[in-house]
PDB file of N, CA and C in Angstrom:
ATOM      1  N   GLN A   1       0.739  -1.206   0.067  1.00  0.00           N
ATOM      2  CA  GLN A   1      -0.009  -0.075  -0.016  1.00  0.00           C
ATOM      3  C   GLN A   1       0.803   1.183   0.013  1.00  0.00           C
ATOM      4  N   LEU A   2       1.704   1.367  -0.990  1.00  0.00           N
ATOM      5  CA  LEU A   2       2.571   2.592  -1.150  1.00  0.00           C
ATOM      6  C   LEU A   2       1.881   3.772  -1.385  1.00  0.00           C
ATOM      7  N   ASP A   3       2.356   4.929  -0.867  1.00  0.00           N
ATOM      8  CA  ASP A   3       1.760   6.260  -1.133  1.00  0.00           C
ATOM      9  C   ASP A   3       2.264   6.692  -2.507  1.00  0.00           C
ATOM     10  N   ILE A   4       1.684   6.264  -3.591  1.00  0.00           N
ATOM     11  CA  ILE A   4       2.165   6.616  -4.886  1.00  0.00           C
ATOM     12  C   ILE A   4       1.120   7.054  -5.836  1.00  0.00           C
ATOM     13  N   CYS A   5       1.316   7.931  -6.717  1.00  0.00           N
ATOM     14  CA  CYS A   5       0.311   8.302  -7.670  1.00  0.00           C
ATOM     15  C   CYS A   5       0.957   8.058  -9.139  1.00  0.00           C
ATOM     16  N   ILE A   6       0.226   7.254  -9.861  1.00  0.00           N
ATOM     17  CA  ILE A   6       0.631   7.083 -11.248  1.00  0.00           C
ATOM     18  C   ILE A   6      -0.264   7.817 -12.175  1.00  0.00           C
ATOM     19  N   VAL A   7       0.321   8.405 -13.065  1.00  0.00           N
ATOM     20  CA  VAL A   7      -0.305   9.330 -14.045  1.00  0.00           C
ATOM     21  C   VAL A   7      -0.093   8.610 -15.384  1.00  0.00           C
ATOM     22  N   ILE A   8      -1.278   8.338 -16.134  1.00  0.00           N
ATOM     23  CA  ILE A   8      -1.200   7.762 -17.373  1.00  0.00           C
ATOM     24  C   ILE A   8      -1.669   8.886 -18.511  1.00  0.00           C
ATOM     25  N   PHE A   9      -0.798   9.324 -19.272  1.00  0.00           N
ATOM     26  CA  PHE A   9      -1.204  10.237 -20.332  1.00  0.00           C
ATOM     27  C   PHE A   9      -1.885   9.541 -21.473  1.00  0.00           C
ATOM     28  N   ALA A  10      -3.033   9.360 -21.655  1.00  0.00           N
ATOM     29  CA  ALA A  10      -3.709   8.555 -22.589  1.00  0.00           C
ATOM     30  C   ALA A  10      -4.211   9.360 -23.875  1.00  0.00           C
ATOM     31  N   ASN A  11      -3.578   9.245 -25.035  1.00  0.00           N
ATOM     32  CA  ASN A  11      -4.064   9.818 -26.196  1.00  0.00           C
ATOM     33  C   ASN A  11      -4.551   8.901 -27.207  1.00  0.00           C
ATOM     34  N   ARG A  12      -4.772   7.536 -26.704  1.00  0.00           N
ATOM     35  CA  ARG A  12      -5.463   6.604 -27.550  1.00  0.00           C
ATOM     36  C   ARG A  12      -4.840   6.141 -28.763  1.00  0.00           C
ATOM     37  N   LYS A  13      -3.435   6.371 -28.887  1.00  0.00           N
ATOM     38  CA  LYS A  13      -2.809   6.061 -30.022  1.00  0.00           C
ATOM     39  C   LYS A  13      -1.210   6.023 -29.853  1.00  0.00           C
ATOM     40  N   TYR A  14      -0.507   5.353 -30.612  1.00  0.00           N
ATOM     41  CA  TYR A  14       0.936   5.362 -30.558  1.00  0.00           C
ATOM     42  C   TYR A  14       1.421   6.661 -31.304  1.00  0.00           C
ATOM     43  N   GLN A  15       1.138   7.781 -30.637  1.00  0.00           N
ATOM     44  CA  GLN A  15       1.381   9.121 -31.305  1.00  0.00           C
ATOM     45  C   GLN A  15       2.967   9.236 -31.560  1.00  0.00           C
ATOM     46  N   ILE A  16       3.789   8.712 -30.640  1.00  0.00           N
ATOM     47  CA  ILE A  16       5.189   8.849 -30.894  1.00  0.00           C
ATOM     48  C   ILE A  16       5.669   8.228 -32.089  1.00  0.00           C
ATOM     49  N   LEU A  17       4.985   7.103 -32.560  1.00  0.00           N
ATOM     50  CA  LEU A  17       5.356   6.281 -33.732  1.00  0.00           C
ATOM     51  C   LEU A  17       4.954   7.167 -34.962  1.00  0.00           C
ATOM     52  N   GLN A  18       3.771   7.850 -34.877  1.00  0.00           N
ATOM     53  CA  GLN A  18       3.241   8.685 -35.957  1.00  0.00           C
ATOM     54  C   GLN A  18       4.296   9.847 -36.160  1.00  0.00           C
ATOM     55  N   ILE A  19       4.767  10.431 -35.013  1.00  0.00           N
ATOM     56  CA  ILE A  19       5.756  11.382 -35.243  1.00  0.00           C
ATOM     57  C   ILE A  19       7.088  10.900 -35.829  1.00  0.00           C
ATOM     58  N   GLU A  20       7.550   9.703 -35.389  1.00  0.00           N
ATOM     59  CA  GLU A  20       8.700   9.164 -36.075  1.00  0.00           C
ATOM     60  C   GLU A  20       8.522   8.797 -37.434  1.00  0.00           C
ATOM     61  N   LEU A  21       7.395   8.334 -37.921  1.00  0.00           N
ATOM     62  CA  LEU A  21       7.112   8.064 -39.220  1.00  0.00           C
ATOM     63  C   LEU A  21       7.222   9.321 -40.071  1.00  0.00           C
ATOM     64  N   ALA A  22       6.576  10.368 -39.505  1.00  0.00           N
ATOM     65  CA  ALA A  22       6.689  11.734 -40.330  1.00  0.00           C
ATOM     66  C   ALA A  22       8.222  12.136 -40.352  1.00  0.00           C
ATOM     67  N   ARG A  23       8.989  11.998 -39.392  1.00  0.00           N
ATOM     68  CA  ARG A  23      10.354  12.400 -39.374  1.00  0.00           C
ATOM     69  C   ARG A  23      11.249  11.664 -40.399  1.00  0.00           C
ATOM     70  N   VAL A  24      10.849  10.427 -40.739  1.00  0.00           N
ATOM     71  CA  VAL A  24      11.619   9.632 -41.722  1.00  0.00           C
ATOM     72  C   VAL A  24      10.983   9.830 -43.087  1.00  0.00           C
ATOM     73  N   GLY A  25      10.021  10.697 -43.292  1.00  0.00           N
ATOM     74  CA  GLY A  25       9.447  11.043 -44.598  1.00  0.00           C
ATOM     75  C   GLY A  25       8.179  10.291 -45.027  1.00  0.00           C
ATOM     76  N   ALA A  26       7.523   9.540 -44.153  1.00  0.00           N
ATOM     77  CA  ALA A  26       6.211   8.990 -44.458  1.00  0.00           C
ATOM     78  C   ALA A  26       5.170  10.124 -44.401  1.00  0.00           C
ATOM     79  N   GLN A  27       5.105  10.824 -45.429  1.00  0.00           N
ATOM     80  CA  GLN A  27       4.212  11.931 -45.432  1.00  0.00           C
ATOM     81  C   GLN A  27       2.563  11.621 -45.448  1.00  0.00           C
ATOM     82  N   SER A  28       2.252  10.672 -46.208  1.00  0.00           N
ATOM     83  CA  SER A  28       0.900  10.212 -46.172  1.00  0.00           C
ATOM     84  C   SER A  28       0.730   8.762 -45.767  1.00  0.00           C
ATOM     85  N   MET A  29       0.006   8.708 -44.555  1.00  0.00           N
ATOM     86  CA  MET A  29      -0.225   7.478 -44.053  1.00  0.00           C
ATOM     87  C   MET A  29      -1.551   6.997 -44.358  1.00  0.00           C
ATOM     88  N   ASN A  30      -1.737   5.851 -44.864  1.00  0.00           N
ATOM     89  CA  ASN A  30      -3.070   5.296 -45.357  1.00  0.00           C
ATOM     90  C   ASN A  30      -3.780   4.711 -44.122  1.00  0.00           C
ATOM     91  N   LYS A  31      -5.101   4.399 -44.258  1.00  0.00           N
ATOM     92  CA  LYS A  31      -6.026   4.029 -43.238  1.00  0.00           C
ATOM     93  C   LYS A  31      -5.384   2.795 -42.539  1.00  0.00           C
ATOM     94  N   LYS A  32      -4.790   1.888 -43.178  1.00  0.00           N
ATOM     95  CA  LYS A  32      -4.212   0.676 -42.513  1.00  0.00           C
ATOM     96  C   LYS A  32      -3.135   0.964 -41.580  1.00  0.00           C
ATOM     97  N   THR A  33      -2.211   1.933 -42.047  1.00  0.00           N
ATOM     98  CA  THR A  33      -1.172   2.319 -41.131  1.00  0.00           C
ATOM     99  C   THR A  33      -1.679   3.002 -39.954  1.00  0.00           C
ATOM    100  N   LEU A  34      -2.679   4.026 -40.146  1.00  0.00           N
ATOM    101  CA  LEU A  34      -3.233   4.733 -39.009  1.00  0.00           C
ATOM    102  C   LEU A  34      -3.970   3.768 -37.915  1.00  0.00           C
ATOM    103  N   ASP A  35      -4.647   2.724 -38.525  1.00  0.00           N
ATOM    104  CA  ASP A  35      -5.356   1.778 -37.791  1.00  0.00           C
ATOM    105  C   ASP A  35      -4.407   1.035 -36.878  1.00  0.00           C
ATOM    106  N   MET A  36      -3.150   0.710 -37.354  1.00  0.00           N
ATOM    107  CA  MET A  36      -2.235   0.003 -36.648  1.00  0.00           C
ATOM    108  C   MET A  36      -1.635   0.793 -35.433  1.00  0.00           C
ATOM    109  N   LEU A  37      -1.789   2.087 -35.532  1.00  0.00           N
ATOM    110  CA  LEU A  37      -1.277   3.043 -34.524  1.00  0.00           C
ATOM    111  C   LEU A  37      -2.294   3.430 -33.531  1.00  0.00           C
ATOM    112  N   ASP A  38      -3.580   3.020 -33.760  1.00  0.00           N
ATOM    113  CA  ASP A  38      -4.751   3.334 -32.995  1.00  0.00           C
ATOM    114  C   ASP A  38      -5.011   2.432 -31.795  1.00  0.00           C
ATOM    115  N   LEU A  39      -5.178   3.015 -30.675  1.00  0.00           N
ATOM    116  CA  LEU A  39      -5.396   2.283 -29.435  1.00  0.00           C
ATOM    117  C   LEU A  39      -6.921   2.488 -28.939  1.00  0.00           C
ATOM    118  N   SER A  40      -7.725   2.753 -29.780  1.00  0.00           N
ATOM    119  CA  SER A  40      -9.140   3.115 -29.222  1.00  0.00           C
ATOM    120  C   SER A  40     -10.139   2.167 -29.812  1.00  0.00           C
ATOM    121  N   ASN A  41      -9.811   1.024 -30.078  1.00  0.00           N
ATOM    122  CA  ASN A  41     -10.829   0.103 -30.577  1.00  0.00           C
ATOM    123  C   ASN A  41     -10.634  -1.312 -29.903  1.00  0.00           C
ATOM    124  N   PRO A  42     -11.089  -1.556 -28.591  1.00  0.00           N
ATOM    125  CA  PRO A  42     -11.722  -0.568 -27.800  1.00  0.00           C
ATOM    126  C   PRO A  42     -10.781   0.236 -27.013  1.00  0.00           C
ATOM    127  N   ASP A  43     -11.232   1.361 -26.385  1.00  0.00           N
ATOM    128  CA  ASP A  43     -10.463   2.077 -25.505  1.00  0.00           C
ATOM    129  C   ASP A  43     -10.118   1.269 -24.279  1.00  0.00           C
ATOM    130  N   LEU A  44      -8.818   1.402 -23.758  1.00  0.00           N
ATOM    131  CA  LEU A  44      -8.357   0.783 -22.635  1.00  0.00           C
ATOM    132  C   LEU A  44      -9.095   1.512 -21.366  1.00  0.00           C
ATOM    133  N   ASP A  45      -9.529   0.835 -20.416  1.00  0.00           N
ATOM    134  CA  ASP A  45     -10.276   1.447 -19.310  1.00  0.00           C
ATOM    135  C   ASP A  45      -9.317   1.376 -18.218  1.00  0.00           C
ATOM    136  N   PHE A  46      -8.341   2.361 -18.093  1.00  0.00           N
ATOM    137  CA  PHE A  46      -7.320   2.342 -17.086  1.00  0.00           C
ATOM    138  C   PHE A  46      -7.913   2.545 -15.655  1.00  0.00           C
ATOM    139  N   VAL A  47      -8.939   3.308 -15.552  1.00  0.00           N
ATOM    140  CA  VAL A  47      -9.631   3.656 -14.230  1.00  0.00           C
ATOM    141  C   VAL A  47     -10.274   2.271 -13.766  1.00  0.00           C
ATOM    142  N   GLY A  48     -11.037   1.536 -14.671  1.00  0.00           N
ATOM    143  CA  GLY A  48     -11.587   0.382 -14.379  1.00  0.00           C
ATOM    144  C   GLY A  48     -10.617  -0.716 -14.023  1.00  0.00           C
ATOM    145  N   LEU A  49      -9.552  -0.750 -14.784  1.00  0.00           N
ATOM    146  CA  LEU A  49      -8.470  -1.755 -14.385  1.00  0.00           C
ATOM    147  C   LEU A  49      -7.980  -1.572 -12.921  1.00  0.00           C
ATOM    148  N   ALA A  50      -7.619  -0.223 -12.611  1.00  0.00           N
ATOM    149  CA  ALA A  50      -7.111   0.185 -11.335  1.00  0.00           C
ATOM    150  C   ALA A  50      -8.036  -0.244 -10.286  1.00  0.00           C
ATOM    151  N   ASN A  51      -9.315   0.132 -10.423  1.00  0.00           N
ATOM    152  CA  ASN A  51     -10.443  -0.160  -9.504  1.00  0.00           C
ATOM    153  C   ASN A  51     -10.463  -1.601  -9.256  1.00  0.00           C
ATOM    154  N   SER A  52     -10.391  -2.502 -10.283  1.00  0.00           N
ATOM    155  CA  SER A  52     -10.564  -3.917 -10.166  1.00  0.00           C
ATOM    156  C   SER A  52      -9.315  -4.414  -9.285  1.00  0.00           C
ATOM    157  N   MET A  53      -8.398  -3.817  -9.078  1.00  0.00           N
ATOM    158  CA  MET A  53      -7.164  -4.193  -8.260  1.00  0.00           C
ATOM    159  C   MET A  53      -7.126  -3.456  -6.902  1.00  0.00           C
ATOM    160  N   GLY A  54      -8.283  -2.834  -6.693  1.00  0.00           N
ATOM    161  CA  GLY A  54      -8.359  -2.119  -5.459  1.00  0.00           C
ATOM    162  C   GLY A  54      -7.603  -0.742  -5.247  1.00  0.00           C
ATOM    163  N   VAL A  55      -7.320  -0.195  -6.432  1.00  0.00           N
ATOM    164  CA  VAL A  55      -6.542   1.034  -6.405  1.00  0.00           C
ATOM    165  C   VAL A  55      -7.492   2.099  -6.851  1.00  0.00           C
ATOM    166  N   ALA A  56      -7.583   3.259  -6.083  1.00  0.00           N
ATOM    167  CA  ALA A  56      -8.556   4.373  -6.344  1.00  0.00           C
ATOM    168  C   ALA A  56      -8.037   5.003  -7.682  1.00  0.00           C
ATOM    169  N   ALA A  57      -8.915   5.403  -8.573  1.00  0.00           N
ATOM    170  CA  ALA A  57      -8.428   5.983  -9.750  1.00  0.00           C
ATOM    171  C   ALA A  57      -9.455   7.079 -10.293  1.00  0.00           C
ATOM    172  N   TYR A  58      -8.972   7.990 -11.056  1.00  0.00           N
ATOM    173  CA  TYR A  58      -9.782   9.101 -11.519  1.00  0.00           C
ATOM    174  C   TYR A  58      -9.347   9.339 -12.947  1.00  0.00           C
ATOM    175  N   LYS A  59     -10.282   9.961 -13.713  1.00  0.00           N
ATOM    176  CA  LYS A  59      -9.994  10.251 -14.980  1.00  0.00           C
ATOM    177  C   LYS A  59     -10.176  11.901 -15.178  1.00  0.00           C
ATOM    178  N   ALA A  60      -9.199  12.379 -15.816  1.00  0.00           N
ATOM    179  CA  ALA A  60      -9.227  13.794 -15.978  1.00  0.00           C
ATOM    180  C   ALA A  60      -9.230  14.106 -17.575  1.00  0.00           C
ATOM    181  N   THR A  61     -10.060  15.087 -17.971  1.00  0.00           N
ATOM    182  CA  THR A  61     -10.201  15.413 -19.289  1.00  0.00           C
ATOM    183  C   THR A  61      -9.813  16.925 -19.645  1.00  0.00           C
ATOM    184  N   THR A  62      -9.550  17.589 -18.550  1.00  0.00           N
ATOM    185  CA  THR A  62      -9.048  19.019 -18.599  1.00  0.00           C
ATOM    186  C   THR A  62      -7.895  19.235 -17.650  1.00  0.00           C
ATOM    187  N   ALA A  63      -7.175  20.288 -17.973  1.00  0.00           N
ATOM    188  CA  ALA A  63      -6.012  20.685 -17.024  1.00  0.00           C
ATOM    189  C   ALA A  63      -6.586  20.855 -15.583  1.00  0.00           C
ATOM    190  N   ASN A  64      -7.671  21.602 -15.511  1.00  0.00           N
ATOM    191  CA  ASN A  64      -8.268  21.929 -14.232  1.00  0.00           C
ATOM    192  C   ASN A  64      -8.605  20.705 -13.443  1.00  0.00           C
ATOM    193  N   GLU A  65      -9.329  19.698 -14.214  1.00  0.00           N
ATOM    194  CA  GLU A  65      -9.745  18.352 -13.602  1.00  0.00           C
ATOM    195  C   GLU A  65      -8.414  17.656 -12.987  1.00  0.00           C
ATOM    196  N   PHE A  66      -7.434  17.705 -13.862  1.00  0.00           N
ATOM    197  CA  PHE A  66      -6.166  17.118 -13.579  1.00  0.00           C
ATOM    198  C   PHE A  66      -5.613  17.684 -12.174  1.00  0.00           C
ATOM    199  N   ASN A  67      -5.625  18.944 -12.178  1.00  0.00           N
ATOM    200  CA  ASN A  67      -5.018  19.583 -10.974  1.00  0.00           C
ATOM    201  C   ASN A  67      -5.827  19.303  -9.658  1.00  0.00           C
ATOM    202  N   LEU A  68      -7.156  19.232  -9.813  1.00  0.00           N
ATOM    203  CA  LEU A  68      -7.934  18.944  -8.688  1.00  0.00           C
ATOM    204  C   LEU A  68      -7.730  17.392  -8.246  1.00  0.00           C
ATOM    205  N   MET A  69      -7.697  16.479  -9.115  1.00  0.00           N
ATOM    206  CA  MET A  69      -7.384  15.166  -8.813  1.00  0.00           C
ATOM    207  C   MET A  69      -6.128  14.838  -8.491  1.00  0.00           C
ATOM    208  N   PHE A  70      -5.148  15.517  -8.977  1.00  0.00           N
ATOM    209  CA  PHE A  70      -3.698  15.283  -8.460  1.00  0.00           C
ATOM    210  C   PHE A  70      -3.599  15.842  -6.893  1.00  0.00           C
ATOM    211  N   GLU A  71      -4.179  16.996  -6.742  1.00  0.00           N
ATOM    212  CA  GLU A  71      -4.227  17.500  -5.329  1.00  0.00           C
ATOM    213  C   GLU A  71      -4.859  16.524  -4.301  1.00  0.00           C
ATOM    214  N   ARG A  72      -5.999  16.016  -4.889  1.00  0.00           N
ATOM    215  CA  ARG A  72      -6.696  14.956  -4.006  1.00  0.00           C
ATOM    216  C   ARG A  72      -5.918  13.638  -3.857  1.00  0.00           C
ATOM    217  N   ALA A  73      -5.265  13.253  -4.889  1.00  0.00           N
ATOM    218  CA  ALA A  73      -4.358  12.012  -4.735  1.00  0.00           C
ATOM    219  C   ALA A  73      -3.236  12.177  -3.764  1.00  0.00           C
ATOM    220  N   MET A  74      -2.717  13.462  -3.705  1.00  0.00           N
ATOM    221  CA  MET A  74      -1.555  13.650  -2.781  1.00  0.00           C
ATOM    222  C   MET A  74      -1.937  13.817  -1.303  1.00  0.00           C
ATOM    223  N   LYS A  75      -3.276  14.104  -1.108  1.00  0.00           N
ATOM    224  CA  LYS A  75      -3.747  14.091   0.241  1.00  0.00           C
ATOM    225  C   LYS A  75      -4.222  12.651   0.835  1.00  0.00           C
ATOM    226  N   GLU A  76      -4.440  11.729   0.006  1.00  0.00           N
ATOM    227  CA  GLU A  76      -4.984  10.475   0.338  1.00  0.00           C
ATOM    228  C   GLU A  76      -3.856   9.435   0.422  1.00  0.00           C
ATOM    229  N   PRO A  77      -3.897   8.532   1.395  1.00  0.00           N
ATOM    230  CA  PRO A  77      -2.870   7.445   1.551  1.00  0.00           C
ATOM    231  C   PRO A  77      -3.047   6.411   0.498  1.00  0.00           C
ATOM    232  N   GLY A  78      -2.040   5.633   0.217  1.00  0.00           N
ATOM    233  CA  GLY A  78      -2.233   4.416  -0.632  1.00  0.00           C
ATOM    234  C   GLY A  78      -1.933   4.792  -2.143  1.00  0.00           C
ATOM    235  N   PRO A  79      -2.063   3.730  -3.049  1.00  0.00           N
ATOM    236  CA  PRO A  79      -1.820   3.967  -4.391  1.00  0.00           C
ATOM    237  C   PRO A  79      -2.978   4.665  -5.090  1.00  0.00           C
ATOM    238  N   ARG A  80      -2.647   5.658  -5.975  1.00  0.00           N
ATOM    239  CA  ARG A  80      -3.773   6.196  -6.777  1.00  0.00           C
ATOM    240  C   ARG A  80      -3.302   6.202  -8.304  1.00  0.00           C
ATOM    241  N   LEU A  81      -4.408   6.357  -9.234  1.00  0.00           N
ATOM    242  CA  LEU A  81      -3.953   6.456 -10.507  1.00  0.00           C
ATOM    243  C   LEU A  81      -4.795   7.525 -11.134  1.00  0.00           C
ATOM    244  N   ILE A  82      -4.326   8.318 -11.969  1.00  0.00           N
ATOM    245  CA  ILE A  82      -5.076   9.362 -12.764  1.00  0.00           C
ATOM    246  C   ILE A  82      -4.782   9.175 -14.195  1.00  0.00           C
ATOM    247  N   GLU A  83      -5.887   9.049 -14.917  1.00  0.00           N
ATOM    248  CA  GLU A  83      -5.718   8.808 -16.390  1.00  0.00           C
ATOM    249  C   GLU A  83      -6.023  10.219 -17.005  1.00  0.00           C
ATOM    250  N   ALA A  84      -5.058  10.894 -17.625  1.00  0.00           N
ATOM    251  CA  ALA A  84      -5.254  12.249 -18.088  1.00  0.00           C
ATOM    252  C   ALA A  84      -5.508  11.945 -19.679  1.00  0.00           C
ATOM    253  N   ILE A  85      -6.688  12.198 -20.085  1.00  0.00           N
ATOM    254  CA  ILE A  85      -7.045  12.063 -21.524  1.00  0.00           C
ATOM    255  C   ILE A  85      -6.553  13.298 -22.249  1.00  0.00           C
ATOM    256  N   LEU A  86      -5.653  12.962 -23.265  1.00  0.00           N
ATOM    257  CA  LEU A  86      -5.063  14.019 -24.076  1.00  0.00           C
ATOM    258  C   LEU A  86      -5.618  14.088 -25.459  1.00  0.00           C
ATOM    259  N   ASP A  87      -5.795  15.279 -25.977  1.00  0.00           N
ATOM    260  CA  ASP A  87      -6.112  15.431 -27.407  1.00  0.00           C
ATOM    261  C   ASP A  87      -5.143  16.535 -27.910  1.00  0.00           C
ATOM    262  N   VAL A  88      -3.941  16.055 -28.304  1.00  0.00           N
ATOM    263  CA  VAL A  88      -2.892  16.941 -28.693  1.00  0.00           C
ATOM    264  C   VAL A  88      -2.524  16.895 -30.149  1.00  0.00           C
ATOM    265  N   ASP A  89      -2.526  18.104 -30.780  1.00  0.00           N
ATOM    266  CA  ASP A  89      -2.089  18.068 -32.235  1.00  0.00           C
ATOM    267  C   ASP A  89      -0.673  18.125 -32.269  1.00  0.00           C
ATOM    268  N   VAL A  90       0.006  17.169 -32.853  1.00  0.00           N
ATOM    269  CA  VAL A  90       1.557  17.317 -32.916  1.00  0.00           C
ATOM    270  C   VAL A  90       1.841  17.268 -34.379  1.00  0.00           C
ATOM    271  N   SER A  91       1.040  17.755 -35.300  1.00  0.00           N
ATOM    272  CA  SER A  91       1.376  17.737 -36.746  1.00  0.00           C
ATOM    273  C   SER A  91       2.576  18.554 -36.983  1.00  0.00           C
ATOM    274  N   GLY A  92       2.938  19.546 -36.183  1.00  0.00           N
ATOM    275  CA  GLY A  92       3.996  20.388 -36.498  1.00  0.00           C
ATOM    276  C   GLY A  92       5.333  19.830 -35.979  1.00  0.00           C
ATOM    277  N   LEU A  93       5.265  18.761 -35.325  1.00  0.00           N
ATOM    278  CA  LEU A  93       6.577  18.121 -34.646  1.00  0.00           C
ATOM    279  C   LEU A  93       7.391  17.277 -35.532  1.00  0.00           C
ATOM    280  N   GLY A  94       6.848  16.897 -36.722  1.00  0.00           N
ATOM    281  CA  GLY A  94       7.539  16.057 -37.592  1.00  0.00           C
ATOM    282  C   GLY A  94       8.742  16.747 -38.273  1.00  0.00           C
TER     283      GLY A  94
END
């Protein structure tokens, strides 16, 4: 029962691989390629998985929600998990 807070930044895809493909010149990715990088069919339920193992867990969809949940997690004993749902445009990072 460690006092630990695990944060999962969930963007529902292997976005780092999309960035790397763009960096090596893969300008147009077809549907099959994008499907292989997609992690949303089905979405992984990190909160449900944590709860099933007796770990309190929260889902944050905004920075404000994350701040509130992180503050709450720091005040409570035992393990905690926060799933931060991200929708980040990294098209300019390639």
